[in-house]
N, C-alpha and C. Protein backbone atom coordinates (compact mmCIF):
# COMPACT_ATOMS: atom_id res chain seq x y z
N MET A 1 170.31 -71.23 -65.64
CA MET A 1 170.16 -71.53 -64.14
C MET A 1 171.12 -70.46 -63.55
N ARG A 2 171.91 -70.29 -64.58
CA ARG A 2 172.85 -69.17 -63.70
C ARG A 2 171.81 -67.44 -63.66
N LEU A 3 171.32 -67.31 -64.76
CA LEU A 3 170.47 -66.35 -64.66
C LEU A 3 169.37 -66.11 -63.61
N GLU A 4 168.75 -67.40 -63.38
CA GLU A 4 167.77 -67.24 -62.26
C GLU A 4 168.45 -67.30 -60.82
N ARG A 5 169.67 -67.83 -61.04
CA ARG A 5 170.38 -67.33 -59.60
C ARG A 5 170.75 -66.14 -59.37
N LYS A 6 170.95 -65.57 -60.51
CA LYS A 6 171.54 -63.85 -60.31
C LYS A 6 170.18 -63.23 -60.14
N ARG A 7 169.12 -63.30 -60.76
CA ARG A 7 167.81 -62.55 -60.87
C ARG A 7 167.55 -62.99 -59.06
N ASP A 8 167.64 -64.21 -58.83
CA ASP A 8 167.33 -64.33 -56.86
C ASP A 8 168.23 -63.61 -56.36
N ALA A 9 169.52 -63.53 -56.54
CA ALA A 9 170.15 -62.54 -55.72
C ALA A 9 169.72 -61.24 -55.89
N GLU A 10 169.63 -60.69 -56.79
CA GLU A 10 169.14 -59.23 -57.06
C GLU A 10 167.61 -59.00 -56.28
N LEU A 11 167.02 -60.12 -55.99
CA LEU A 11 165.61 -59.97 -55.76
C LEU A 11 165.98 -60.02 -53.89
N ALA A 12 166.91 -60.83 -53.44
CA ALA A 12 167.08 -60.91 -52.24
C ALA A 12 168.08 -59.31 -51.55
N LYS A 13 168.79 -58.76 -52.57
CA LYS A 13 169.46 -57.61 -51.79
C LYS A 13 168.18 -56.37 -51.90
N ARG A 14 167.13 -56.72 -53.02
CA ARG A 14 166.07 -55.36 -52.47
C ARG A 14 164.90 -55.89 -51.70
N LYS A 15 165.25 -56.83 -51.08
CA LYS A 15 164.25 -57.34 -50.15
C LYS A 15 164.29 -56.40 -48.85
N GLY A 16 163.28 -55.93 -48.19
CA GLY A 16 163.18 -55.02 -47.32
C GLY A 16 163.25 -53.45 -47.55
N LEU A 17 163.38 -52.93 -49.30
CA LEU A 17 163.54 -51.90 -49.19
C LEU A 17 162.14 -51.01 -48.97
N ALA A 18 161.16 -51.88 -49.40
CA ALA A 18 159.99 -50.79 -48.96
C ALA A 18 159.58 -50.64 -47.30
N ILE A 19 160.10 -51.43 -46.53
CA ILE A 19 160.01 -51.13 -45.29
C ILE A 19 160.98 -49.88 -44.82
N LYS A 20 162.18 -49.83 -45.49
CA LYS A 20 163.10 -48.99 -45.12
C LYS A 20 162.52 -47.73 -45.65
N THR A 21 162.17 -47.77 -46.77
CA THR A 21 161.71 -46.54 -47.17
C THR A 21 160.52 -46.01 -46.30
N ILE A 22 159.48 -46.74 -45.81
CA ILE A 22 158.48 -46.21 -44.84
C ILE A 22 159.14 -45.63 -43.73
N ILE A 23 160.15 -46.38 -43.10
CA ILE A 23 160.82 -46.20 -41.87
C ILE A 23 161.55 -44.62 -42.31
N ALA A 24 162.10 -44.23 -43.45
CA ALA A 24 162.63 -43.25 -43.64
C ALA A 24 161.83 -42.05 -43.82
N LEU A 25 160.65 -42.49 -44.27
CA LEU A 25 159.60 -41.25 -44.43
C LEU A 25 159.28 -40.91 -43.29
N ILE A 26 158.71 -41.94 -42.46
CA ILE A 26 158.36 -41.56 -40.96
C ILE A 26 159.33 -40.96 -39.98
N TRP A 27 160.67 -40.98 -40.49
CA TRP A 27 161.81 -40.50 -39.72
C TRP A 27 161.76 -39.33 -40.15
N PHE A 28 161.51 -38.78 -41.69
CA PHE A 28 161.64 -37.25 -41.93
C PHE A 28 160.54 -36.47 -41.51
N GLY A 29 159.04 -37.24 -41.61
CA GLY A 29 158.13 -36.67 -41.27
C GLY A 29 158.26 -36.08 -39.47
N LEU A 30 158.68 -36.93 -38.52
CA LEU A 30 159.18 -36.57 -37.51
C LEU A 30 159.82 -35.49 -37.42
N CYS A 31 161.07 -35.48 -38.17
CA CYS A 31 162.18 -34.66 -37.93
C CYS A 31 161.71 -33.13 -38.12
N PHE A 32 160.73 -33.00 -39.65
CA PHE A 32 160.16 -31.85 -39.95
C PHE A 32 158.90 -31.32 -38.81
N THR A 33 158.34 -32.56 -38.07
CA THR A 33 157.75 -32.08 -37.03
C THR A 33 158.51 -31.38 -36.04
N ALA A 34 159.41 -31.91 -35.47
CA ALA A 34 160.01 -31.09 -34.44
C ALA A 34 160.61 -29.84 -35.07
N ALA A 35 160.87 -29.88 -36.30
CA ALA A 35 161.65 -28.87 -36.84
C ALA A 35 160.63 -27.64 -36.87
N TYR A 36 159.39 -27.98 -36.96
CA TYR A 36 158.38 -27.10 -37.04
C TYR A 36 158.12 -26.38 -36.05
N PHE A 37 158.01 -27.46 -34.64
CA PHE A 37 157.54 -26.91 -33.33
C PHE A 37 158.84 -25.84 -32.69
N LEU A 38 159.84 -26.44 -33.35
CA LEU A 38 161.46 -25.51 -33.01
C LEU A 38 161.32 -24.02 -33.34
N VAL A 39 160.94 -23.99 -34.82
CA VAL A 39 160.85 -22.68 -35.38
C VAL A 39 160.07 -21.72 -35.00
N ASN A 40 158.93 -22.25 -34.49
CA ASN A 40 157.76 -21.55 -34.23
C ASN A 40 158.06 -21.19 -32.74
N TRP A 41 158.88 -21.93 -31.91
CA TRP A 41 159.08 -21.30 -30.41
C TRP A 41 160.06 -20.60 -30.55
N LEU A 42 160.77 -20.64 -31.67
CA LEU A 42 161.99 -19.70 -31.69
C LEU A 42 161.50 -18.58 -31.88
N PHE A 43 160.75 -18.51 -32.92
CA PHE A 43 160.01 -17.08 -33.25
C PHE A 43 158.95 -16.23 -32.00
N ASP A 44 158.28 -17.36 -31.73
CA ASP A 44 157.41 -16.90 -30.41
C ASP A 44 157.89 -16.28 -29.62
N SER A 45 159.07 -17.06 -29.17
CA SER A 45 159.87 -16.65 -27.92
C SER A 45 160.70 -15.28 -28.20
N ASP A 46 160.67 -14.73 -29.12
CA ASP A 46 161.46 -13.41 -29.67
C ASP A 46 163.17 -14.12 -29.89
N ILE A 47 163.54 -15.21 -29.59
CA ILE A 47 164.80 -15.60 -29.70
C ILE A 47 165.23 -14.94 -31.09
N LEU A 48 164.41 -15.74 -32.06
CA LEU A 48 165.00 -15.16 -33.42
C LEU A 48 163.48 -13.98 -34.03
N THR A 49 164.28 -13.30 -34.72
CA THR A 49 162.97 -12.39 -35.34
C THR A 49 162.70 -12.30 -36.78
N ILE A 50 161.95 -11.98 -37.44
CA ILE A 50 162.16 -11.88 -38.84
C ILE A 50 162.74 -10.99 -39.28
N GLY A 51 162.68 -9.71 -38.76
CA GLY A 51 163.60 -8.67 -39.16
C GLY A 51 165.02 -8.64 -39.06
N ALA A 52 165.91 -9.55 -37.99
CA ALA A 52 167.15 -9.86 -37.86
C ALA A 52 167.17 -10.71 -39.12
N ILE A 53 166.61 -11.60 -39.41
CA ILE A 53 166.78 -12.64 -40.45
C ILE A 53 166.93 -11.88 -42.02
N TYR A 54 166.09 -11.26 -42.19
CA TYR A 54 165.97 -10.25 -43.07
C TYR A 54 167.32 -9.30 -43.03
N ASN A 55 168.00 -8.69 -42.18
CA ASN A 55 169.17 -7.82 -41.97
C ASN A 55 170.50 -8.69 -42.06
N ARG A 56 170.36 -9.68 -41.47
CA ARG A 56 171.56 -10.43 -41.23
C ARG A 56 171.96 -11.03 -42.45
N PHE A 57 170.93 -11.79 -43.20
CA PHE A 57 171.30 -12.34 -44.64
C PHE A 57 171.03 -11.47 -45.88
N ARG A 58 170.58 -10.41 -45.64
CA ARG A 58 169.98 -9.48 -46.45
C ARG A 58 169.17 -10.21 -47.95
N ILE A 59 168.26 -10.82 -47.04
CA ILE A 59 166.99 -11.36 -47.97
C ILE A 59 165.97 -9.85 -48.27
N PRO A 60 165.77 -10.03 -49.24
CA PRO A 60 164.79 -8.94 -49.78
C PRO A 60 163.70 -9.15 -48.95
N ARG A 61 162.77 -7.94 -48.85
CA ARG A 61 161.47 -7.99 -47.96
C ARG A 61 160.54 -8.95 -48.52
N THR A 62 160.50 -9.18 -50.41
CA THR A 62 159.79 -9.77 -51.09
C THR A 62 159.15 -11.18 -50.67
N VAL A 63 160.59 -11.55 -50.01
CA VAL A 63 160.18 -13.09 -49.66
C VAL A 63 159.65 -13.30 -48.44
N SER A 64 158.67 -13.92 -48.32
CA SER A 64 157.68 -14.05 -47.49
C SER A 64 158.09 -14.73 -45.89
N GLU A 65 157.77 -14.65 -44.98
CA GLU A 65 158.08 -15.09 -43.49
C GLU A 65 157.99 -16.49 -43.81
N GLU A 66 156.79 -16.92 -44.51
CA GLU A 66 156.56 -18.91 -44.50
C GLU A 66 157.88 -19.30 -45.35
N PHE A 67 158.26 -18.83 -46.25
CA PHE A 67 159.56 -19.19 -47.26
C PHE A 67 160.70 -18.99 -46.05
N ILE A 68 160.94 -18.53 -45.60
CA ILE A 68 161.94 -18.18 -44.13
C ILE A 68 161.95 -19.54 -43.38
N ARG A 69 160.52 -19.42 -42.90
CA ARG A 69 160.46 -20.68 -41.65
C ARG A 69 160.39 -22.02 -42.33
N LEU A 70 160.22 -22.23 -43.67
CA LEU A 70 160.36 -23.46 -44.15
C LEU A 70 162.14 -23.50 -44.80
N GLY A 71 162.59 -22.26 -44.94
CA GLY A 71 163.93 -22.69 -45.27
C GLY A 71 164.85 -22.85 -43.78
N LEU A 72 164.34 -22.42 -42.59
CA LEU A 72 164.91 -22.73 -41.36
C LEU A 72 164.38 -24.16 -40.90
N MET A 73 163.18 -24.65 -41.08
CA MET A 73 162.74 -25.81 -41.33
C MET A 73 163.87 -26.86 -42.08
N VAL A 74 163.99 -26.78 -43.22
CA VAL A 74 164.79 -27.48 -43.92
C VAL A 74 166.21 -27.40 -43.17
N LEU A 75 166.44 -26.79 -43.04
CA LEU A 75 168.16 -26.24 -42.33
C LEU A 75 168.37 -27.21 -41.18
N ILE A 76 167.23 -27.03 -40.24
CA ILE A 76 167.22 -27.96 -39.05
C ILE A 76 167.03 -29.33 -39.14
N VAL A 77 166.25 -29.62 -40.26
CA VAL A 77 165.94 -31.43 -40.52
C VAL A 77 167.52 -31.94 -41.06
N PHE A 78 168.12 -31.05 -41.81
CA PHE A 78 169.62 -31.29 -42.52
C PHE A 78 170.40 -31.75 -41.22
N LEU A 79 170.55 -30.90 -40.27
CA LEU A 79 171.83 -30.68 -39.32
C LEU A 79 171.04 -32.16 -38.46
N MET A 80 169.71 -32.38 -38.32
CA MET A 80 169.33 -33.54 -37.34
C MET A 80 170.12 -34.71 -38.00
N ASN A 81 169.76 -34.90 -39.26
CA ASN A 81 170.10 -36.20 -39.88
C ASN A 81 171.63 -36.32 -40.03
N PHE A 82 172.20 -34.97 -40.31
CA PHE A 82 173.53 -35.12 -40.08
C PHE A 82 174.37 -35.81 -38.96
N PHE A 83 173.76 -34.81 -37.93
CA PHE A 83 174.38 -35.54 -36.67
C PHE A 83 173.87 -37.07 -36.42
N VAL A 84 172.59 -37.34 -36.87
CA VAL A 84 172.30 -38.64 -36.63
C VAL A 84 173.37 -39.84 -37.59
N LEU A 85 173.89 -39.15 -38.76
CA LEU A 85 174.58 -40.00 -39.64
C LEU A 85 176.14 -40.31 -38.90
N ILE A 86 176.53 -38.95 -38.60
CA ILE A 86 177.89 -39.13 -37.45
C ILE A 86 177.92 -39.57 -36.59
N GLY A 87 176.76 -39.95 -35.83
CA GLY A 87 176.62 -40.88 -34.51
C GLY A 87 176.51 -42.20 -35.12
N TYR A 88 175.91 -42.47 -36.08
CA TYR A 88 175.92 -44.05 -36.59
C TYR A 88 177.31 -44.55 -36.80
N ALA A 89 177.95 -43.54 -37.77
CA ALA A 89 179.45 -44.05 -38.09
C ALA A 89 180.53 -44.30 -37.20
N PHE A 90 180.31 -43.35 -35.77
CA PHE A 90 181.18 -43.27 -34.63
C PHE A 90 180.60 -44.58 -33.62
N ALA A 91 179.33 -44.71 -33.59
CA ALA A 91 178.71 -45.42 -32.39
C ALA A 91 178.51 -47.44 -32.66
N SER A 92 178.09 -47.24 -34.31
CA SER A 92 177.57 -48.60 -34.63
C SER A 92 179.27 -49.14 -35.22
N PRO A 93 179.23 -50.81 -34.86
CA PRO A 93 179.97 -51.22 -35.60
C PRO A 93 179.62 -51.43 -36.94
N LEU A 94 178.85 -51.52 -37.54
CA LEU A 94 178.89 -51.34 -38.87
C LEU A 94 179.28 -50.03 -39.80
N GLY A 95 179.12 -49.04 -39.04
CA GLY A 95 179.89 -47.62 -39.41
C GLY A 95 181.08 -47.63 -39.48
N ARG A 96 181.91 -48.45 -38.82
CA ARG A 96 183.33 -48.16 -38.51
C ARG A 96 183.73 -49.03 -39.59
N VAL A 97 183.04 -50.17 -40.14
CA VAL A 97 183.98 -50.78 -41.05
C VAL A 97 184.30 -49.90 -42.57
N ARG A 98 185.66 -50.39 -42.71
CA ARG A 98 186.06 -49.59 -44.00
C ARG A 98 185.45 -50.15 -45.01
N PRO A 99 185.07 -49.80 -46.22
CA PRO A 99 184.69 -50.44 -47.74
C PRO A 99 185.96 -50.60 -48.04
N GLY A 100 186.01 -52.10 -48.82
CA GLY A 100 186.99 -52.75 -49.23
C GLY A 100 188.08 -53.21 -48.53
N LYS A 101 187.84 -53.59 -47.47
CA LYS A 101 188.75 -54.05 -46.82
C LYS A 101 188.73 -55.63 -46.69
N PRO A 102 189.77 -56.23 -47.24
CA PRO A 102 189.74 -57.97 -47.61
C PRO A 102 189.19 -58.70 -46.33
N SER A 103 188.73 -59.60 -46.66
CA SER A 103 188.37 -60.70 -45.74
C SER A 103 188.12 -61.91 -46.65
N LEU A 104 187.65 -63.05 -45.71
CA LEU A 104 187.57 -64.38 -46.13
C LEU A 104 186.01 -64.54 -46.59
N ARG A 105 185.27 -63.81 -46.12
CA ARG A 105 183.86 -63.70 -46.76
C ARG A 105 183.33 -62.92 -47.30
N SER A 106 182.71 -63.04 -48.10
CA SER A 106 181.86 -62.05 -48.93
C SER A 106 180.64 -62.02 -48.56
N PRO A 107 179.70 -60.75 -48.38
CA PRO A 107 178.82 -60.25 -48.21
C PRO A 107 177.77 -60.55 -48.97
N GLU A 108 177.63 -60.64 -50.21
CA GLU A 108 177.21 -61.06 -51.48
C GLU A 108 177.42 -62.65 -51.99
N PRO A 109 176.61 -63.55 -52.06
CA PRO A 109 176.99 -64.83 -52.45
C PRO A 109 177.18 -64.99 -54.00
N ASP A 110 178.24 -65.62 -54.50
CA ASP A 110 178.60 -65.69 -55.78
C ASP A 110 177.86 -66.96 -56.35
N PRO A 111 177.28 -66.17 -57.66
CA PRO A 111 176.22 -66.59 -58.27
C PRO A 111 177.05 -68.21 -59.29
N ASN A 112 178.33 -67.94 -59.27
CA ASN A 112 178.98 -69.10 -60.26
C ASN A 112 179.45 -69.83 -59.16
N ALA A 113 179.13 -70.11 -58.06
CA ALA A 113 179.83 -71.01 -56.74
C ALA A 113 179.89 -72.37 -57.41
N ASP A 114 178.83 -72.92 -58.06
CA ASP A 114 178.72 -74.24 -58.37
C ASP A 114 179.30 -74.68 -59.70
N ARG A 115 180.10 -73.51 -60.44
CA ARG A 115 180.65 -73.60 -61.77
C ARG A 115 182.09 -74.39 -61.35
N TYR A 116 182.72 -74.00 -60.10
CA TYR A 116 184.27 -74.46 -59.70
C TYR A 116 184.34 -75.52 -58.93
N ASP A 117 185.50 -75.96 -58.92
CA ASP A 117 185.75 -77.16 -58.09
C ASP A 117 186.53 -77.03 -57.15
N TYR A 118 186.18 -76.64 -55.81
CA TYR A 118 187.31 -76.00 -54.88
C TYR A 118 188.41 -77.29 -54.16
N ARG A 119 188.43 -78.47 -54.74
CA ARG A 119 189.19 -79.57 -53.93
C ARG A 119 190.49 -79.65 -54.42
């Protein structure tokens, strides 16, 4: 009985993870698409030049331009997600809750709750 309740609690925790994974993959796809267009725009409008990147960061010329563009896209995606995370931490009520804060209610049900008599 107790094992079944534990298994049900673990399944309840994992419920919805597939949807969250799909949403996260779609979000990263959108971020990479935005970063791709941003990097191409920066290079096409000569705000960034490949020669300036080679010289500024002392990258050897054997590194191809595609790898540099890919690295810039990864950097932009990282920065976008970092600022989304910081915004969530400041703006969302769930982001402001400190872990370990004592409360009368637990977010997880106790699998042994029926073993004790609280009267």
